[in-house]
Amino acid sequence: MNLHQQQILDHYPIHMYRFHELMFTYVNIAANYYQSAEQFNPTKQDYSEWLEGLHGEFKQEMKEKGFDNGRKIPAFARFVLEKNDVGMDDYMRKYMGADDFEEYLKLISFDGQK
């Protein structure tokens, strides 16, 4: 967690603190997850494969954006990572900790059943 996030947390009432602490932790680790796609050196071929699975306006928008501008899109990064057997849930459990990740999932689920 960064200093700015900690300062924000310090202003939350105690009953809201844990939720926001987990949320910040999740967001920070998720950002690292998406950035880690670059280690696999995504290619134009990867981008073409990803586009094949898209539909509608988003697919058209990503075609127009092209590889150079679209390679930073989180959905493409996730495609690259999953293609290389780096699933987001496993990544989150590893870096967030299994207990905190499960607590986070329960806190964000609408029915508490996650």
Protein backbone atom coordinates (compact mmCIF):
# COMPACT_ATOMS: atom_id res chain seq x y z
CA MET A 1 0.00 0.00 0.00
CA ASN A 2 1.36 3.42 -0.81
CA LEU A 3 1.47 6.47 1.46
CA HIS A 4 -1.46 8.20 -0.25
CA GLN A 5 -3.63 5.13 0.15
CA GLN A 6 -2.67 4.83 3.82
CA GLN A 7 -3.60 8.48 4.39
CA ILE A 8 -7.00 7.82 2.83
CA LEU A 9 -7.48 4.74 5.01
CA ASP A 10 -6.62 6.70 8.12
CA HIS A 11 -9.77 8.79 7.54
CA TYR A 12 -12.17 5.86 7.26
CA PRO A 13 -14.21 4.74 10.24
CA ILE A 14 -12.96 1.49 11.73
CA HIS A 15 -15.92 -0.50 10.39
CA MET A 16 -14.95 0.48 6.80
CA TYR A 17 -11.18 0.22 7.21
CA ARG A 18 -10.69 -3.47 6.44
CA PHE A 19 -12.79 -3.41 3.27
CA HIS A 20 -10.83 -0.48 1.86
CA GLU A 21 -7.51 -1.91 3.00
CA LEU A 22 -8.25 -5.11 1.05
CA MET A 23 -9.51 -3.09 -1.92
CA PHE A 24 -6.30 -1.06 -2.14
CA THR A 25 -4.21 -4.21 -1.77
CA TYR A 26 -6.18 -5.95 -4.53
CA VAL A 27 -5.93 -3.00 -6.91
CA ASN A 28 -2.18 -2.64 -6.37
CA ILE A 29 -1.51 -6.33 -6.98
CA ALA A 30 -3.85 -6.39 -9.97
CA ALA A 31 -1.89 -3.50 -11.52
CA ASN A 32 1.29 -5.55 -11.08
CA TYR A 33 -0.44 -8.56 -12.63
CA TYR A 34 -1.41 -6.66 -15.77
CA GLN A 35 2.02 -5.05 -16.07
CA SER A 36 3.67 -8.46 -15.82
CA ALA A 37 2.29 -9.42 -19.24
CA GLU A 38 5.18 -7.54 -20.80
CA GLN A 39 7.61 -10.23 -19.62
CA PHE A 40 6.05 -12.55 -22.22
CA ASN A 41 6.80 -10.09 -25.06
CA PRO A 42 3.30 -9.99 -26.57
CA THR A 43 3.29 -10.15 -30.35
CA LYS A 44 1.04 -8.99 -33.16
CA GLN A 45 0.04 -12.65 -33.52
CA ASP A 46 -1.11 -12.67 -29.89
CA TYR A 47 -3.10 -9.52 -30.57
CA SER A 48 -4.73 -11.11 -33.64
CA GLU A 49 -5.66 -14.20 -31.62
CA TRP A 50 -7.14 -12.02 -28.90
CA LEU A 51 -9.15 -10.03 -31.43
CA GLU A 52 -10.67 -13.25 -32.80
CA GLY A 53 -12.39 -13.83 -29.46
CA LEU A 54 -13.85 -10.32 -29.21
CA HIS A 55 -17.25 -9.16 -30.45
CA GLY A 56 -19.11 -6.04 -31.42
CA GLU A 57 -17.96 -2.49 -30.91
CA PHE A 58 -15.12 -3.43 -28.59
CA LYS A 59 -13.62 -5.70 -31.24
CA GLN A 60 -13.85 -2.95 -33.84
CA GLU A 61 -12.37 -0.39 -31.47
CA MET A 62 -9.44 -2.68 -30.66
CA LYS A 63 -8.83 -3.40 -34.37
CA GLU A 64 -8.70 0.34 -35.03
CA LYS A 65 -6.45 0.90 -32.03
CA GLY A 66 -3.98 -1.65 -33.38
CA PHE A 67 -1.30 -3.64 -31.63
CA ASP A 68 0.99 -0.78 -30.64
CA ASN A 69 -1.81 1.18 -28.97
CA GLY A 70 -3.84 -1.78 -27.76
CA ARG A 71 -1.13 -3.83 -26.09
CA LYS A 72 -1.57 -1.94 -22.79
CA ILE A 73 -5.29 -2.74 -22.57
CA PRO A 74 -5.85 -4.82 -19.40
CA ALA A 75 -8.05 -7.33 -21.25
CA PHE A 76 -5.25 -8.03 -23.73
CA ALA A 77 -2.68 -8.26 -20.94
CA ARG A 78 -4.89 -10.83 -19.20
CA PHE A 79 -5.20 -12.79 -22.44
CA VAL A 80 -1.40 -12.89 -22.75
CA LEU A 81 -0.98 -13.90 -19.13
CA GLU A 82 -3.59 -16.64 -19.26
CA LYS A 83 -2.13 -17.90 -22.54
CA ASN A 84 1.10 -18.32 -20.56
CA ASP A 85 -0.64 -20.09 -17.66
CA VAL A 86 -0.61 -17.09 -15.32
CA GLY A 87 -4.19 -16.94 -14.05
CA MET A 88 -5.30 -13.87 -12.18
CA ASP A 89 -6.90 -15.68 -9.23
CA ASP A 90 -3.77 -17.75 -8.61
CA TYR A 91 -1.62 -14.64 -8.93
CA MET A 92 -3.82 -12.76 -6.46
CA ARG A 93 -3.76 -15.65 -3.97
CA LYS A 94 0.03 -15.84 -4.23
CA TYR A 95 0.75 -12.13 -3.75
CA MET A 96 -2.23 -11.08 -1.65
CA GLY A 97 -2.24 -14.20 0.47
CA ALA A 98 -4.93 -16.86 0.26
CA ASP A 99 -6.78 -15.75 3.39
CA ASP A 100 -6.87 -12.06 2.42
CA PHE A 101 -7.91 -12.93 -1.13
CA GLU A 102 -10.79 -15.09 0.09
CA GLU A 103 -11.84 -12.38 2.54
CA TYR A 104 -11.75 -9.84 -0.28
CA LEU A 105 -13.92 -12.07 -2.49
CA LYS A 106 -16.47 -12.46 0.29
CA LEU A 107 -16.55 -8.72 0.93
CA ILE A 108 -17.19 -7.86 -2.71
CA SER A 109 -19.78 -10.56 -3.37
CA PHE A 110 -23.38 -9.45 -3.18
CA ASP A 111 -24.62 -12.58 -1.50
CA GLY A 112 -21.62 -13.44 0.65
CA GLN A 113 -21.44 -16.84 -1.07
CA LYS A 114 -18.24 -16.37 -3.10
